[in-house]
Protein backbone atom coordinates (compact mmCIF):
# COMPACT_ATOMS: atom_id res chain seq x y z
CA MET A 1 66.41 96.33 94.22
CA GLY A 2 67.93 94.26 96.61
CA ALA A 3 66.33 92.17 99.64
CA PRO A 4 63.70 93.37 101.62
CA MET A 5 64.46 96.61 103.81
CA GLY A 6 66.03 95.36 107.00
CA PRO A 7 66.40 96.96 110.45
CA THR A 8 69.97 98.70 109.79
CA ILE A 9 68.07 100.90 106.95
CA ARG A 10 64.92 101.11 108.83
CA ARG A 11 67.23 102.39 112.19
CA ARG A 12 69.37 104.94 109.71
CA ARG A 13 65.84 106.44 107.83
CA LEU A 14 64.49 106.97 111.21
CA ASN A 15 67.86 108.68 112.96
CA ILE A 16 67.94 110.85 109.81
CA ARG A 17 64.21 112.06 109.94
CA LEU A 18 64.60 112.73 113.82
CA LYS A 19 67.61 114.60 113.20
CA GLU A 20 66.06 116.99 110.60
CA LEU A 21 62.85 117.67 112.67
CA ARG A 22 65.08 118.38 115.45
CA GLU A 23 66.86 120.93 113.00
CA GLU A 24 63.66 122.09 111.12
CA LYS A 25 62.81 123.17 115.17
CA GLY A 26 66.25 125.30 115.26
CA LEU A 27 66.86 123.08 118.58
CA SER A 28 70.19 121.98 119.63
CA CYS A 29 70.53 118.28 120.87
CA GLU A 30 71.32 119.89 124.23
CA GLN A 31 68.22 121.70 124.22
CA VAL A 32 66.16 118.68 123.19
CA ALA A 33 67.73 116.78 125.78
CA GLN A 34 67.02 119.42 128.69
CA ARG A 35 63.70 119.46 127.74
CA LEU A 36 63.20 115.51 128.15
CA GLY A 37 65.21 115.22 131.13
CA TYR A 38 67.92 113.06 129.02
CA HIS A 39 71.84 113.13 129.44
CA ALA A 40 72.95 115.54 127.51
CA SER A 41 74.61 113.68 124.92
CA ARG A 42 71.34 111.42 124.66
CA VAL A 43 69.94 112.97 121.68
CA SER A 44 72.88 113.13 119.73
CA ARG A 45 73.86 109.37 120.16
CA ILE A 46 70.36 108.53 119.08
CA GLU A 47 70.89 110.69 115.87
CA SER A 48 74.46 108.99 115.31
CA GLY A 49 72.85 105.67 115.55
CA ARG A 50 75.45 104.83 118.61
CA ARG A 51 71.93 104.46 120.94
CA GLY A 52 69.29 102.52 120.05
CA VAL A 53 66.02 104.39 120.32
CA ASN A 54 62.19 102.41 121.16
CA ALA A 55 58.94 104.07 120.14
CA GLY A 56 58.21 105.63 123.58
CA VAL A 57 61.55 107.46 123.30
CA VAL A 58 60.61 108.44 119.68
CA ARG A 59 57.15 109.78 120.98
CA GLU A 60 58.78 111.73 123.42
CA LEU A 61 61.09 113.39 120.58
CA LEU A 62 58.25 113.80 118.47
CA SER A 63 56.51 115.79 121.25
CA VAL A 64 59.13 118.50 121.24
CA TYR A 65 59.14 118.87 117.63
CA GLN A 66 55.32 118.88 117.32
CA VAL A 67 54.68 115.92 115.25
CA GLU A 68 51.27 114.20 115.17
CA GLY A 69 49.07 112.14 112.68
CA GLU A 70 50.41 110.08 109.84
CA GLU A 71 53.65 110.99 109.86
CA ALA A 72 54.17 110.39 113.97
CA GLU A 73 52.95 107.18 113.50
CA ALA A 74 54.66 105.94 110.41
CA LEU A 75 57.90 107.14 112.54
CA VAL A 76 57.19 105.26 115.70
CA GLN A 77 56.63 102.07 113.47
CA LEU A 78 59.71 102.72 112.00
CA ALA A 79 61.03 102.36 115.59
CA ARG A 80 59.05 99.11 116.18
CA ASP A 81 60.44 97.60 112.73
CA ALA A 82 64.31 98.88 113.09
CA ARG A 83 64.47 96.73 116.63
CA ARG A 84 63.82 93.35 115.10
CA ARG A 85 66.66 91.21 114.73
CA GLY A 86 68.66 90.74 111.62
CA TRP A 87 70.01 86.99 110.80
CA TRP A 88 73.10 88.09 112.16
CA HIS A 89 72.03 88.68 116.02
CA PRO A 90 72.59 85.05 117.13
CA TYR A 91 76.69 85.95 116.54
CA LYS A 92 76.31 89.67 118.48
CA ASP A 93 79.17 87.73 120.77
CA VAL A 94 81.50 87.72 118.07
CA LEU A 95 80.52 90.66 116.10
CA THR A 96 81.77 94.32 117.23
CA ASP A 97 78.90 97.26 116.74
CA SER A 98 80.38 98.51 113.78
CA VAL A 99 80.60 95.21 111.92
CA ARG A 100 76.84 94.33 112.81
CA THR A 101 75.75 97.65 111.05
CA TYR A 102 77.94 96.96 108.20
CA VAL A 103 76.41 93.68 107.61
CA GLY A 104 73.26 95.47 107.85
CA LEU A 105 73.99 97.93 105.17
CA GLU A 106 75.46 95.33 102.98
CA GLN A 107 71.83 93.06 103.20
CA ASP A 108 70.14 96.36 102.12
CA ALA A 109 72.22 98.41 99.50
CA THR A 110 71.39 98.28 95.91
CA THR A 111 75.33 99.08 94.68
CA ILE A 112 78.05 98.00 96.79
CA SER A 113 81.58 99.39 96.11
CA ASN A 114 84.54 97.77 97.70
CA TYR A 115 88.01 98.63 97.27
CA GLU A 116 91.03 96.23 98.97
CA ALA A 117 94.65 96.76 98.58
CA GLN A 118 95.61 93.51 101.16
CA PHE A 119 92.93 90.96 101.04
CA ILE A 120 90.24 89.68 98.87
CA PRO A 121 86.97 91.37 99.46
CA GLY A 122 84.80 89.44 102.16
CA LEU A 123 81.67 88.93 100.04
CA LEU A 124 84.12 87.52 97.34
CA GLN A 125 86.26 84.80 99.68
CA THR A 126 86.09 80.93 99.96
CA GLU A 127 85.35 79.54 103.41
CA ALA A 128 89.27 78.49 103.43
CA TYR A 129 90.61 81.79 102.44
CA ALA A 130 88.18 83.73 104.92
CA ARG A 131 88.78 81.01 107.73
CA GLU A 132 92.84 81.29 107.37
CA VAL A 133 92.09 85.65 107.42
CA PHE A 134 90.42 85.48 110.68
CA VAL A 135 93.12 82.96 112.05
CA SER A 136 96.33 85.04 110.84
CA TRP A 137 94.71 88.15 112.43
CA ARG A 138 94.60 87.25 115.40
CA PRO A 139 96.73 84.14 116.28
CA SER A 140 95.07 84.21 120.04
CA LEU A 141 91.35 83.68 119.02
CA GLN A 142 89.83 80.86 119.95
CA PRO A 143 89.08 78.45 117.35
CA GLU A 144 84.99 78.40 118.01
CA ILE A 145 85.21 82.19 117.57
CA SER A 146 87.45 82.01 114.46
CA GLU A 147 84.98 79.38 113.16
CA ARG A 148 81.82 81.44 114.13
CA LEU A 149 83.42 84.63 112.39
CA THR A 150 83.88 82.40 109.38
CA ASN A 151 80.22 81.50 109.20
CA VAL A 152 78.95 84.90 108.94
CA ARG A 153 81.03 85.74 106.49
CA MET A 154 79.90 82.83 104.62
CA ILE A 155 76.37 83.79 105.41
CA ARG A 156 76.77 87.45 104.37
CA GLN A 157 77.78 86.22 100.72
CA ARG A 158 74.19 84.76 100.45
CA VAL A 159 72.89 88.43 99.41
CA LEU A 160 74.54 87.96 96.37
CA GLN A 161 72.31 85.06 95.81
CA ASN A 162 69.20 87.13 95.99
CA ARG A 163 66.79 86.91 92.98
CA THR A 164 67.51 90.90 92.48
CA PRO A 165 71.06 90.98 94.28
CA PRO A 166 72.86 94.06 94.88
CA MET A 167 75.19 95.29 92.23
CA LEU A 168 78.88 94.31 93.29
CA TRP A 169 81.83 96.43 92.21
CA ALA A 170 85.26 95.08 93.74
CA VAL A 171 88.45 97.15 92.90
CA ILE A 172 91.50 94.68 94.02
CA ASP A 173 95.24 95.82 94.44
CA GLU A 174 97.33 93.02 92.52
CA ALA A 175 99.44 92.58 95.62
CA ALA A 176 96.26 90.66 96.98
CA LEU A 177 96.35 88.53 94.14
CA HIS A 178 99.76 87.17 94.83
CA ARG A 179 100.12 86.74 98.78
CA GLU A 180 99.12 83.45 99.74
CA VAL A 181 96.63 83.30 102.59
CA GLY A 182 96.56 79.84 103.60
CA GLY A 183 99.28 78.38 101.04
CA ARG A 184 99.17 77.74 97.63
CA GLY A 185 96.44 75.42 97.57
CA VAL A 186 93.80 77.52 99.32
CA MET A 187 95.05 80.68 97.29
CA LYS A 188 94.78 78.68 93.88
CA GLU A 189 91.01 77.85 95.23
CA GLN A 190 90.61 81.66 95.71
CA LEU A 191 91.74 82.90 92.26
CA MET A 192 89.53 80.41 90.78
CA HIS A 193 86.72 81.44 92.78
CA LEU A 194 86.94 85.25 91.73
CA LEU A 195 86.96 83.79 87.92
CA ASP A 196 83.79 81.92 88.59
CA ILE A 197 81.86 84.63 90.71
CA GLY A 198 83.08 87.29 88.37
CA GLU A 199 81.03 85.83 85.37
CA ARG A 200 77.79 86.87 87.54
CA PRO A 201 75.94 89.86 85.93
CA ALA A 202 75.80 91.76 89.32
CA VAL A 203 79.38 91.09 89.88
CA THR A 204 82.19 93.06 88.52
CA ILE A 205 85.95 92.54 89.30
CA GLN A 206 88.79 94.71 88.51
CA VAL A 207 92.36 94.50 89.21
CA VAL A 208 94.78 97.63 90.24
CA PRO A 209 98.20 96.28 88.32
CA TYR A 210 101.78 96.75 90.18
CA SER A 211 102.16 98.94 86.44
CA VAL A 212 100.06 101.86 87.96
CA GLY A 213 102.65 102.52 90.71
CA ALA A 214 101.61 104.33 93.44
CA TYR A 215 98.43 105.67 93.46
CA PRO A 216 95.69 107.59 95.73
CA ALA A 217 93.82 105.74 98.48
CA MET A 218 96.56 103.06 98.18
CA GLY A 219 96.39 100.86 101.02
CA SER A 220 93.42 102.47 102.74
CA GLY A 221 90.49 99.98 101.80
CA PHE A 222 86.94 101.06 102.01
CA THR A 223 83.22 100.43 101.06
CA LEU A 224 80.87 102.66 99.78
CA PHE A 225 77.11 101.53 99.84
CA GLU A 226 74.15 102.91 97.85
CA PHE A 227 70.83 102.70 98.40
CA GLY A 228 67.48 103.25 96.70
CA GLU A 229 64.40 104.95 97.65
CA GLY A 230 65.97 108.25 98.15
CA ASP A 231 68.33 106.98 101.26
CA PRO A 232 71.90 108.76 101.15
CA PRO A 233 75.05 106.58 100.61
CA ALA A 234 77.69 105.64 103.62
CA VAL A 235 81.15 104.79 103.41
CA TYR A 236 82.71 102.29 105.55
CA LEU A 237 86.40 102.54 106.49
CA GLU A 238 88.62 100.22 109.12
CA ASN A 239 91.82 100.35 110.52
CA LEU A 240 93.68 98.87 113.60
CA GLY A 241 91.52 100.88 115.97
CA GLY A 242 88.27 99.42 114.28
CA GLY A 243 85.51 100.67 111.59
CA PHE A 244 83.78 103.84 111.75
CA TYR A 245 81.25 105.30 108.82
CA LEU A 246 81.45 108.54 107.18
CA GLU A 247 77.97 110.17 105.75
CA ASP A 248 78.96 113.42 105.41
CA PRO A 249 77.98 114.60 101.87
CA GLU A 250 81.48 115.90 101.07
CA ASP A 251 83.61 112.49 102.53
CA ILE A 252 81.00 110.47 100.50
CA GLY A 253 82.07 112.76 97.58
CA ARG A 254 85.79 112.40 98.31
CA CYS A 255 85.47 108.40 98.39
CA SER A 256 83.06 108.23 95.05
CA ASP A 257 85.77 110.19 93.48
CA SER A 258 88.59 107.87 94.85
CA LEU A 259 86.68 104.86 93.47
CA ASN A 260 86.16 106.69 89.83
CA TYR A 261 89.71 107.27 89.69
CA LEU A 262 90.71 103.55 90.64
CA ARG A 263 88.23 102.13 88.19
CA GLY A 264 89.61 104.14 85.67
CA VAL A 265 93.44 102.97 86.39
CA ALA A 266 92.44 99.60 87.06
CA LEU A 267 92.22 96.66 84.15
CA SER A 268 89.11 95.74 83.09
CA ASP A 269 87.20 93.10 83.67
CA ARG A 270 88.35 90.92 81.25
CA GLU A 271 92.01 92.15 81.51
CA SER A 272 91.49 91.68 85.41
CA ALA A 273 90.38 88.18 84.41
CA ALA A 274 92.77 87.14 82.34
CA LEU A 275 95.61 88.22 84.81
CA ILE A 276 94.10 86.41 87.77
CA ALA A 277 93.65 83.19 85.51
CA GLY A 278 97.74 83.88 85.02
CA ILE A 279 98.39 83.90 88.66
CA ALA A 280 96.18 81.11 89.71
CA LYS A 281 98.01 78.73 86.63
CA ALA A 282 100.98 79.60 88.01
CA LYS A 283 100.37 78.05 91.78
């Protein structure tokens, strides 16, 4: 297992269980909201994680679901624990809600599978590369904000230094290795860093070479988070409109199938390292 369970996964467990209890009673979100005098969308927003919930609200929901005793107390405590602040809280001014959730899931995952077509995955970026990504992403961004975002990315990488780090499986399109983010010097340092970190037992790096041609999921990066103790997986996707999550089993299954396909057509980890070394040598 990875790091001790943090607030994000606790909140996710709570939301899932509250939804299960409502469905066991055969109630709609609107019916529960009406009984408690809530706005019609409040219960669905709680269950989806779009709205925070405190111990008092959990007790109100449990009263409707007729849950008492040890389970009720455990869920109330889970609500209290879920409201604790993660290390990323001081950076909430520069992180969107979806990114804060991403960081939380990343800290709690036992396995992180990531496909990227345009950039080196965040957990594998050097500081110089990450800084250039943020500066190029939004040239109008104030320097102090870019620096704070870079700091967050560097702190995130500490998860790979845990005593029992998550298994990281990164599949990268070859194009990302050739794109000179920050210039030749920054890019060479980044490529050498990939070779170094790829030697860690918990990290697997595979490259989809140009020779594969066009392939399914090409250009659409995503991350699959998997957890221990029976917690369901989640997928994060990002586009110009922002990030969003998939948690439906069918959606998760499609993304998992895509990852398996990508791993199959990609070079092996040793072949990938040889390709990366060759590109770095040419810099």
